Amino acid sequence: MIELIFAIALTGSIDATTDDLAKAIPTDLSTLEVAKFRKKVTYGEQHERKAERLAKDANCQLPVVSNWVFAKIHAAILVSAEGEIVKIVPVNSGCPELEQYTVNHLARYASKIAPIPSDNKPKWYRTTMNYRWPE
């Protein structure tokens, strides 16, 4: 079972169905469909440098392979029927700073380009942000 930590609500008004789903945070991301964003989520070199600084400042212990540091931050995202992210719940990675950075990044750059659920009902998806930098 995957441990999920803090959640951030992104919208002020949520209909009852979405509100019920928001309270029922999934505990197993493997059961969720992978989010296929309608556009590429903005992510540039400056974002990777920021992630690196945050992880180093927090002394996060992350995997190193061939002199590269790798971090994968998995998250569950609740998407409204209209394709807007309503809630983001990162998986505990051992680096809360990168988890929060991922939440903030998705909230800023992906909140209005999430998949539109085919049944026109709010839905949970899973997504991952990958970070890497030289050791």
N, C-alpha and C. Protein backbone atom coordinates (compact mmCIF):
# COMPACT_ATOMS: atom_id res chain seq x y z
N MET A 1 0.85 -1.17 0.00
CA MET A 1 0.00 0.00 0.00
C MET A 1 0.90 1.24 0.00
N ILE A 2 0.54 2.24 -0.78
CA ILE A 2 1.32 3.46 -0.89
C ILE A 2 0.79 4.46 0.12
N GLU A 3 1.68 5.06 0.88
CA GLU A 3 1.26 6.07 1.85
C GLU A 3 1.11 7.41 1.15
N LEU A 4 -0.01 8.03 1.32
CA LEU A 4 -0.25 9.35 0.76
C LEU A 4 -0.17 10.36 1.89
N ILE A 5 0.44 11.53 1.60
CA ILE A 5 0.51 12.56 2.62
C ILE A 5 -0.37 13.72 2.24
N PHE A 6 -0.05 14.92 2.64
CA PHE A 6 -0.90 16.11 2.55
C PHE A 6 -1.59 16.30 1.21
N ALA A 7 -2.71 17.01 1.24
CA ALA A 7 -3.48 17.30 0.03
C ALA A 7 -3.70 18.80 -0.06
N ILE A 8 -3.73 19.32 -1.27
CA ILE A 8 -3.95 20.73 -1.50
C ILE A 8 -5.18 20.88 -2.38
N ALA A 9 -6.18 21.59 -1.91
CA ALA A 9 -7.35 21.87 -2.74
C ALA A 9 -7.04 23.08 -3.60
N LEU A 10 -7.42 23.02 -4.88
CA LEU A 10 -7.07 24.09 -5.80
C LEU A 10 -8.25 24.98 -6.18
N THR A 11 -9.45 24.55 -5.92
CA THR A 11 -10.59 25.37 -6.29
C THR A 11 -11.44 25.65 -5.07
N GLY A 12 -12.15 26.76 -5.11
CA GLY A 12 -12.97 27.14 -3.99
C GLY A 12 -14.33 26.47 -4.00
N SER A 13 -14.94 26.33 -5.15
CA SER A 13 -16.26 25.72 -5.20
C SER A 13 -16.19 24.36 -5.86
N ILE A 14 -16.70 23.38 -5.17
CA ILE A 14 -16.66 22.00 -5.65
C ILE A 14 -18.07 21.45 -5.52
N ASP A 15 -18.58 20.78 -6.57
CA ASP A 15 -19.91 20.21 -6.45
C ASP A 15 -19.87 19.00 -5.52
N ALA A 16 -21.03 18.54 -5.09
CA ALA A 16 -21.11 17.46 -4.09
C ALA A 16 -20.38 16.21 -4.54
N THR A 17 -20.50 15.82 -5.80
CA THR A 17 -19.85 14.61 -6.29
C THR A 17 -18.33 14.75 -6.20
N THR A 18 -17.81 15.87 -6.63
CA THR A 18 -16.37 16.12 -6.55
C THR A 18 -15.91 16.18 -5.10
N ASP A 19 -16.72 16.83 -4.26
CA ASP A 19 -16.38 16.95 -2.85
C ASP A 19 -16.29 15.57 -2.20
N ASP A 20 -17.23 14.69 -2.52
CA ASP A 20 -17.19 13.33 -1.99
C ASP A 20 -15.93 12.60 -2.44
N LEU A 21 -15.59 12.74 -3.72
CA LEU A 21 -14.37 12.11 -4.25
C LEU A 21 -13.13 12.69 -3.60
N ALA A 22 -13.12 14.00 -3.35
CA ALA A 22 -11.95 14.65 -2.75
C ALA A 22 -11.67 14.12 -1.36
N LYS A 23 -12.71 13.69 -0.66
CA LYS A 23 -12.53 13.14 0.69
C LYS A 23 -12.05 11.69 0.63
N ALA A 24 -12.31 11.02 -0.47
CA ALA A 24 -11.95 9.61 -0.63
C ALA A 24 -10.63 9.51 -1.41
N ILE A 25 -9.55 9.91 -0.77
CA ILE A 25 -8.23 9.90 -1.43
C ILE A 25 -7.80 8.46 -1.67
N PRO A 26 -7.42 8.14 -2.92
CA PRO A 26 -6.98 6.76 -3.21
C PRO A 26 -5.72 6.40 -2.44
N THR A 27 -5.64 5.15 -2.01
CA THR A 27 -4.46 4.70 -1.28
C THR A 27 -3.53 3.85 -2.15
N ASP A 28 -3.99 3.47 -3.32
CA ASP A 28 -3.17 2.66 -4.22
C ASP A 28 -3.18 3.29 -5.61
N LEU A 29 -2.12 4.01 -5.93
CA LEU A 29 -2.06 4.71 -7.21
C LEU A 29 -2.07 3.76 -8.39
N SER A 30 -1.65 2.53 -8.21
CA SER A 30 -1.60 1.59 -9.34
C SER A 30 -2.99 1.30 -9.90
N THR A 31 -4.03 1.58 -9.14
CA THR A 31 -5.39 1.33 -9.61
C THR A 31 -5.93 2.50 -10.44
N LEU A 32 -5.19 3.61 -10.48
CA LEU A 32 -5.65 4.80 -11.20
C LEU A 32 -5.11 4.84 -12.62
N GLU A 33 -5.89 5.41 -13.50
CA GLU A 33 -5.46 5.63 -14.88
C GLU A 33 -4.38 6.72 -14.90
N VAL A 34 -3.40 6.58 -15.78
CA VAL A 34 -2.35 7.59 -15.92
C VAL A 34 -2.97 8.83 -16.57
N ALA A 35 -2.69 9.99 -16.01
CA ALA A 35 -3.21 11.25 -16.55
C ALA A 35 -2.53 11.55 -17.88
N LYS A 36 -3.32 11.79 -18.89
CA LYS A 36 -2.80 12.21 -20.20
C LYS A 36 -3.24 13.64 -20.39
N PHE A 37 -2.32 14.56 -20.09
CA PHE A 37 -2.64 15.98 -20.15
C PHE A 37 -2.94 16.41 -21.58
N ARG A 38 -3.83 17.39 -21.73
CA ARG A 38 -4.26 17.83 -23.06
C ARG A 38 -3.16 18.61 -23.78
N LYS A 39 -2.24 19.17 -23.03
CA LYS A 39 -1.05 19.83 -23.59
C LYS A 39 0.12 19.40 -22.73
N LYS A 40 1.31 19.60 -23.25
CA LYS A 40 2.50 19.28 -22.48
C LYS A 40 2.58 20.20 -21.26
N VAL A 41 2.85 19.62 -20.11
CA VAL A 41 2.99 20.41 -18.89
C VAL A 41 4.31 21.17 -18.98
N THR A 42 4.24 22.48 -18.79
CA THR A 42 5.44 23.32 -18.86
C THR A 42 6.46 22.85 -17.82
N TYR A 43 7.67 22.60 -18.29
CA TYR A 43 8.75 22.19 -17.40
C TYR A 43 10.07 22.48 -18.11
N GLY A 44 10.85 23.35 -17.54
CA GLY A 44 12.10 23.74 -18.17
C GLY A 44 13.30 23.52 -17.27
N GLU A 45 14.43 23.89 -17.79
CA GLU A 45 15.69 23.71 -17.06
C GLU A 45 15.66 24.45 -15.72
N GLN A 46 15.03 25.64 -15.69
CA GLN A 46 14.98 26.41 -14.45
C GLN A 46 14.17 25.67 -13.38
N HIS A 47 13.17 24.88 -13.78
CA HIS A 47 12.40 24.12 -12.81
C HIS A 47 13.24 22.98 -12.23
N GLU A 48 14.04 22.36 -13.08
CA GLU A 48 14.92 21.29 -12.60
C GLU A 48 15.97 21.84 -11.64
N ARG A 49 16.52 23.00 -11.95
CA ARG A 49 17.50 23.63 -11.05
C ARG A 49 16.86 23.97 -9.70
N LYS A 50 15.63 24.46 -9.74
CA LYS A 50 14.92 24.79 -8.49
C LYS A 50 14.69 23.52 -7.68
N ALA A 51 14.27 22.43 -8.33
CA ALA A 51 14.07 21.16 -7.64
C ALA A 51 15.38 20.67 -7.02
N GLU A 52 16.46 20.80 -7.76
CA GLU A 52 17.78 20.39 -7.25
C GLU A 52 18.14 21.19 -6.00
N ARG A 53 17.97 22.51 -6.05
CA ARG A 53 18.30 23.36 -4.89
C ARG A 53 17.44 22.98 -3.68
N LEU A 54 16.16 22.77 -3.91
CA LEU A 54 15.27 22.40 -2.80
C LEU A 54 15.70 21.08 -2.16
N ALA A 55 15.99 20.09 -2.99
CA ALA A 55 16.39 18.78 -2.47
C ALA A 55 17.73 18.85 -1.75
N LYS A 56 18.67 19.60 -2.29
CA LYS A 56 19.99 19.72 -1.64
C LYS A 56 19.87 20.48 -0.33
N ASP A 57 19.12 21.58 -0.33
CA ASP A 57 18.95 22.37 0.90
C ASP A 57 18.28 21.55 2.00
N ALA A 58 17.40 20.66 1.60
CA ALA A 58 16.68 19.82 2.57
C ALA A 58 17.45 18.54 2.90
N ASN A 59 18.59 18.34 2.24
CA ASN A 59 19.41 17.15 2.46
C ASN A 59 18.62 15.86 2.20
N CYS A 60 17.84 15.87 1.14
CA CYS A 60 17.06 14.69 0.76
C CYS A 60 17.99 13.59 0.27
N GLN A 61 17.74 12.39 0.70
CA GLN A 61 18.53 11.24 0.27
C GLN A 61 17.82 10.60 -0.93
N LEU A 62 18.34 10.85 -2.12
CA LEU A 62 17.71 10.39 -3.35
C LEU A 62 18.62 9.40 -4.08
N PRO A 63 18.06 8.55 -4.91
CA PRO A 63 18.87 7.57 -5.64
C PRO A 63 19.87 8.23 -6.59
N VAL A 64 21.07 7.63 -6.66
CA VAL A 64 22.11 8.09 -7.57
C VAL A 64 22.48 6.93 -8.48
N VAL A 65 22.46 7.20 -9.79
CA VAL A 65 22.84 6.19 -10.78
C VAL A 65 23.79 6.85 -11.77
N SER A 66 24.97 6.26 -11.91
CA SER A 66 25.99 6.77 -12.85
C SER A 66 26.22 8.27 -12.66
N ASN A 67 26.39 8.68 -11.43
CA ASN A 67 26.69 10.07 -11.06
C ASN A 67 25.54 11.05 -11.34
N TRP A 68 24.32 10.55 -11.47
CA TRP A 68 23.14 11.39 -11.62
C TRP A 68 22.18 11.12 -10.48
N VAL A 69 21.63 12.17 -9.92
CA VAL A 69 20.61 12.05 -8.88
C VAL A 69 19.26 11.99 -9.58
N PHE A 70 18.43 11.03 -9.16
CA PHE A 70 17.11 10.87 -9.75
C PHE A 70 16.05 10.94 -8.66
N ALA A 71 14.98 11.65 -8.95
CA ALA A 71 13.83 11.70 -8.04
C ALA A 71 12.56 11.57 -8.87
N LYS A 72 11.68 10.70 -8.42
CA LYS A 72 10.37 10.54 -9.04
C LYS A 72 9.35 10.88 -7.97
N ILE A 73 8.51 11.86 -8.26
CA ILE A 73 7.45 12.21 -7.33
C ILE A 73 6.12 11.81 -7.96
N HIS A 74 5.49 10.82 -7.36
CA HIS A 74 4.21 10.32 -7.83
C HIS A 74 3.10 11.08 -7.11
N ALA A 75 1.98 11.27 -7.80
CA ALA A 75 0.86 11.96 -7.18
C ALA A 75 -0.45 11.47 -7.76
N ALA A 76 -1.48 11.54 -6.94
CA ALA A 76 -2.85 11.33 -7.39
C ALA A 76 -3.42 12.72 -7.64
N ILE A 77 -4.15 12.88 -8.75
CA ILE A 77 -4.79 14.16 -9.02
C ILE A 77 -6.28 13.91 -9.25
N LEU A 78 -7.09 14.74 -8.61
CA LEU A 78 -8.53 14.68 -8.82
C LEU A 78 -8.87 15.72 -9.86
N VAL A 79 -9.51 15.27 -10.93
CA VAL A 79 -9.84 16.14 -12.06
C VAL A 79 -11.36 16.30 -12.13
N SER A 80 -11.79 17.54 -12.32
CA SER A 80 -13.22 17.82 -12.45
C SER A 80 -13.73 17.30 -13.79
N ALA A 81 -15.04 17.29 -13.95
CA ALA A 81 -15.65 16.85 -15.20
C ALA A 81 -15.21 17.73 -16.37
N GLU A 82 -14.81 18.96 -16.07
CA GLU A 82 -14.38 19.91 -17.11
C GLU A 82 -12.88 19.82 -17.41
N GLY A 83 -12.14 18.98 -16.69
CA GLY A 83 -10.72 18.82 -16.96
C GLY A 83 -9.82 19.77 -16.20
N GLU A 84 -10.25 20.21 -15.02
CA GLU A 84 -9.40 21.05 -14.17
C GLU A 84 -9.01 20.26 -12.93
N ILE A 85 -7.76 20.42 -12.52
CA ILE A 85 -7.29 19.73 -11.32
C ILE A 85 -7.93 20.37 -10.10
N VAL A 86 -8.54 19.53 -9.27
CA VAL A 86 -9.22 19.98 -8.07
C VAL A 86 -8.36 19.72 -6.84
N LYS A 87 -7.64 18.61 -6.84
CA LYS A 87 -6.82 18.23 -5.69
C LYS A 87 -5.60 17.47 -6.18
N ILE A 88 -4.49 17.68 -5.48
CA ILE A 88 -3.24 16.98 -5.79
C ILE A 88 -2.73 16.36 -4.50
N VAL A 89 -2.46 15.07 -4.53
CA VAL A 89 -1.99 14.37 -3.35
C VAL A 89 -0.70 13.63 -3.70
N PRO A 90 0.45 14.17 -3.29
CA PRO A 90 1.71 13.48 -3.60
C PRO A 90 1.93 12.27 -2.71
N VAL A 91 2.67 11.31 -3.23
CA VAL A 91 3.05 10.12 -2.47
C VAL A 91 4.30 10.47 -1.67
N ASN A 92 4.36 9.98 -0.47
CA ASN A 92 5.52 10.21 0.38
C ASN A 92 6.77 9.62 -0.29
N SER A 93 7.72 10.51 -0.59
CA SER A 93 8.95 10.09 -1.28
C SER A 93 10.18 10.17 -0.38
N GLY A 94 9.99 10.72 0.80
CA GLY A 94 11.13 10.96 1.68
C GLY A 94 11.73 12.34 1.46
N CYS A 95 11.17 13.11 0.54
CA CYS A 95 11.65 14.46 0.29
C CYS A 95 10.42 15.39 0.18
N PRO A 96 9.89 15.81 1.33
CA PRO A 96 8.69 16.65 1.34
C PRO A 96 8.83 17.93 0.52
N GLU A 97 10.04 18.44 0.43
CA GLU A 97 10.26 19.68 -0.34
C GLU A 97 9.97 19.45 -1.83
N LEU A 98 10.40 18.32 -2.37
CA LEU A 98 10.11 18.01 -3.77
C LEU A 98 8.64 17.67 -3.96
N GLU A 99 8.04 17.05 -2.98
CA GLU A 99 6.61 16.76 -3.06
C GLU A 99 5.82 18.06 -3.16
N GLN A 100 6.13 19.01 -2.28
CA GLN A 100 5.43 20.30 -2.30
C GLN A 100 5.72 21.06 -3.59
N TYR A 101 6.95 20.99 -4.06
CA TYR A 101 7.31 21.64 -5.32
C TYR A 101 6.49 21.05 -6.48
N THR A 102 6.31 19.73 -6.47
CA THR A 102 5.52 19.06 -7.50
C THR A 102 4.06 19.52 -7.43
N VAL A 103 3.52 19.57 -6.24
CA VAL A 103 2.14 20.05 -6.06
C VAL A 103 2.01 21.47 -6.62
N ASN A 104 2.93 22.33 -6.24
CA ASN A 104 2.87 23.72 -6.71
C ASN A 104 3.02 23.81 -8.23
N HIS A 105 3.92 23.00 -8.78
CA HIS A 105 4.16 23.03 -10.22
C HIS A 105 2.91 22.58 -10.98
N LEU A 106 2.34 21.48 -10.56
CA LEU A 106 1.13 20.99 -11.22
C LEU A 106 -0.02 21.98 -11.07
N ALA A 107 -0.14 22.57 -9.90
CA ALA A 107 -1.20 23.55 -9.67
C ALA A 107 -1.04 24.76 -10.59
N ARG A 108 0.18 25.15 -10.83
CA ARG A 108 0.42 26.33 -11.66
C ARG A 108 0.36 26.03 -13.16
N TYR A 109 1.00 24.96 -13.58
CA TYR A 109 1.17 24.71 -15.01
C TYR A 109 0.23 23.66 -15.60
N ALA A 110 -0.48 22.91 -14.77
CA ALA A 110 -1.30 21.83 -15.32
C ALA A 110 -2.75 21.89 -14.87
N SER A 111 -3.10 22.86 -14.06
CA SER A 111 -4.43 22.84 -13.46
C SER A 111 -5.57 22.90 -14.46
N LYS A 112 -5.36 23.48 -15.64
CA LYS A 112 -6.45 23.62 -16.61
C LYS A 112 -6.24 22.78 -17.88
N ILE A 113 -5.26 21.88 -17.85
CA ILE A 113 -4.99 21.05 -19.04
C ILE A 113 -5.03 19.56 -18.72
N ALA A 114 -5.63 19.22 -17.60
CA ALA A 114 -5.74 17.81 -17.21
C ALA A 114 -6.69 17.08 -18.16
N PRO A 115 -6.67 15.76 -18.13
CA PRO A 115 -7.59 15.02 -18.99
C PRO A 115 -9.03 15.34 -18.65
N ILE A 116 -9.91 15.26 -19.62
CA ILE A 116 -11.34 15.43 -19.38
C ILE A 116 -11.92 14.02 -19.26
N PRO A 117 -12.46 13.68 -18.09
CA PRO A 117 -13.00 12.33 -17.92
C PRO A 117 -14.08 12.02 -18.95
N SER A 118 -14.01 10.83 -19.53
CA SER A 118 -14.91 10.45 -20.62
C SER A 118 -16.38 10.35 -20.19
N ASP A 119 -16.62 10.11 -18.91
CA ASP A 119 -18.01 9.97 -18.45
C ASP A 119 -18.57 11.27 -17.87
N ASN A 120 -17.84 12.38 -18.08
CA ASN A 120 -18.28 13.70 -17.59
C ASN A 120 -18.50 13.73 -16.08
N LYS A 121 -17.70 12.95 -15.35
CA LYS A 121 -17.75 12.95 -13.89
C LYS A 121 -16.33 13.13 -13.37
N PRO A 122 -16.17 13.75 -12.21
CA PRO A 122 -14.83 13.91 -11.64
C PRO A 122 -14.14 12.55 -11.49
N LYS A 123 -12.83 12.56 -11.61
CA LYS A 123 -12.10 11.28 -11.59
C LYS A 123 -10.69 11.48 -11.05
N TRP A 124 -10.19 10.49 -10.33
CA TRP A 124 -8.81 10.46 -9.87
C TRP A 124 -7.92 9.86 -10.96
N TYR A 125 -6.75 10.45 -11.15
CA TYR A 125 -5.72 9.95 -12.06
C TYR A 125 -4.41 9.90 -11.29
N ARG A 126 -3.41 9.28 -11.91
CA ARG A 126 -2.06 9.32 -11.33
C ARG A 126 -1.12 10.00 -12.31
N THR A 127 -0.10 10.62 -11.76
CA THR A 127 0.92 11.25 -12.58
C THR A 127 2.25 11.20 -11.84
N THR A 128 3.32 11.43 -12.56
CA THR A 128 4.66 11.42 -11.97
C THR A 128 5.46 12.57 -12.56
N MET A 129 6.21 13.24 -11.71
CA MET A 129 7.19 14.21 -12.19
C MET A 129 8.57 13.64 -11.89
N ASN A 130 9.42 13.65 -12.91
CA ASN A 130 10.78 13.13 -12.79
C ASN A 130 11.77 14.27 -12.76
N TYR A 131 12.71 14.18 -11.84
CA TYR A 131 13.76 15.19 -11.72
C TYR A 131 15.10 14.47 -11.79
N ARG A 132 16.10 15.16 -12.36
CA ARG A 132 17.46 14.59 -12.35
C ARG A 132 18.46 15.72 -12.46
N TRP A 133 19.62 15.48 -11.87
CA TRP A 133 20.71 16.45 -11.96
C TRP A 133 22.02 15.72 -11.64
N PRO A 134 23.15 16.28 -12.08
CA PRO A 134 24.42 15.62 -11.81
C PRO A 134 24.72 15.63 -10.30
N GLU A 135 25.35 14.56 -9.85
CA GLU A 135 25.68 14.43 -8.44
C GLU A 135 26.68 15.48 -8.02
